[in-house]
Protein backbone atom coordinates (compact mmCIF):
# COMPACT_ATOMS: atom_id res chain seq x y z
CA UNK A 1 142.76 123.02 20.37
CA UNK A 2 142.28 119.86 22.14
CA UNK A 3 138.88 121.26 23.95
CA UNK A 4 137.77 122.19 20.36
CA UNK A 5 138.12 119.10 19.04
CA UNK A 6 136.73 116.94 22.30
CA UNK A 7 133.36 118.97 21.91
CA UNK A 8 132.85 117.48 18.37
CA UNK A 9 131.30 114.70 17.51
CA UNK A 10 131.25 111.79 14.66
CA UNK A 11 128.54 111.27 12.66
CA UNK A 12 128.86 107.52 14.49
CA UNK A 13 128.58 108.91 17.44
CA UNK A 14 125.87 111.31 16.59
CA UNK A 15 123.77 108.47 15.08
CA UNK A 16 123.71 106.50 18.40
CA UNK A 17 123.23 109.61 20.64
CA UNK A 18 120.31 110.84 18.80
CA UNK A 19 118.98 107.67 17.42
CA UNK A 20 119.35 109.12 13.72
CA UNK A 21 120.31 107.13 10.43
CA UNK A 22 123.92 108.14 9.66
CA UNK A 23 123.01 108.30 5.89
CA UNK A 24 120.59 111.23 6.89
CA UNK A 25 123.27 112.77 8.62
CA UNK A 26 125.90 112.89 6.17
CA UNK A 27 123.18 113.84 3.40
CA UNK A 28 122.44 116.74 5.64
CA UNK A 29 125.92 117.71 6.05
CA UNK A 30 126.43 117.47 2.07
CA UNK A 31 123.71 119.48 1.19
CA UNK A 32 124.50 122.11 4.28
CA UNK A 33 121.70 121.86 5.88
CA UNK A 34 123.59 120.34 9.18
CA UNK A 35 126.40 122.44 10.29
CA UNK A 36 129.77 120.15 10.31
CA UNK A 37 133.05 120.04 9.21
CA UNK A 38 134.66 117.37 6.90
CA UNK A 39 138.19 116.20 8.52
CA UNK A 40 139.98 114.28 6.25
CA UNK A 41 137.34 111.56 5.45
CA UNK A 42 135.34 112.02 8.93
CA UNK A 43 132.64 114.23 9.44
CA UNK A 44 132.44 116.38 12.64
CA UNK A 45 129.69 117.94 14.27
CA UNK A 46 128.79 119.78 17.36
CA UNK A 47 125.58 118.63 19.52
CA UNK A 48 124.40 122.06 19.25
CA UNK A 49 124.59 121.88 15.68
CA UNK A 50 122.56 118.56 15.70
CA UNK A 51 120.03 120.16 18.27
CA UNK A 52 119.28 123.08 15.97
CA UNK A 53 119.19 120.93 13.23
CA UNK A 54 116.63 118.38 14.70
CA UNK A 55 114.48 121.16 15.58
CA UNK A 56 114.21 122.60 11.83
CA UNK A 57 113.87 119.22 10.40
CA UNK A 58 110.34 117.96 11.22
CA UNK A 59 108.04 120.74 10.04
CA UNK A 60 104.58 119.60 8.86
CA UNK A 61 103.52 120.05 5.61
CA UNK A 62 100.44 121.07 3.63
CA UNK A 63 97.15 121.69 5.07
CA UNK A 64 96.62 120.70 8.68
CA UNK A 65 93.83 118.29 9.44
CA UNK A 66 90.99 119.13 10.57
CA UNK A 67 89.28 118.64 13.99
CA UNK A 68 87.14 115.65 14.60
CA UNK A 69 84.25 117.97 15.21
CA UNK A 70 84.10 119.98 12.03
CA UNK A 71 83.31 116.62 10.28
CA UNK A 72 81.68 114.41 12.89
CA UNK A 73 78.42 114.93 14.26
CA UNK A 74 78.12 113.99 18.03
CA UNK A 75 75.35 112.28 19.85
CA UNK A 76 74.30 112.24 23.31
CA UNK A 77 73.45 108.58 24.57
CA UNK A 78 70.12 109.09 24.16
CA UNK A 79 70.33 109.48 20.30
CA UNK A 80 70.03 113.20 19.96
CA UNK A 81 72.86 114.94 18.37
CA UNK A 82 74.47 117.49 20.61
CA UNK A 83 74.94 121.05 19.24
CA UNK A 84 78.08 122.73 18.44
CA UNK A 85 79.13 125.27 20.76
């Protein structure tokens, strides 16, 4: 039992170790997006659960931006446009 508790981190420890706001961590735990257990008034979470949550957390939304070559004509030093390949 002591080994299991030693493998768990408090939200404050996770916030300082991973550089994430403690409010963000608590909100994710309350919403069920971050696997954590609340013992009395303390949230406990494993480092593996935090890494898994971080991996799924920052997904780009919307349409990906166009590459610069699609909307900008490139020119050579002599002033002529460079054909697209």
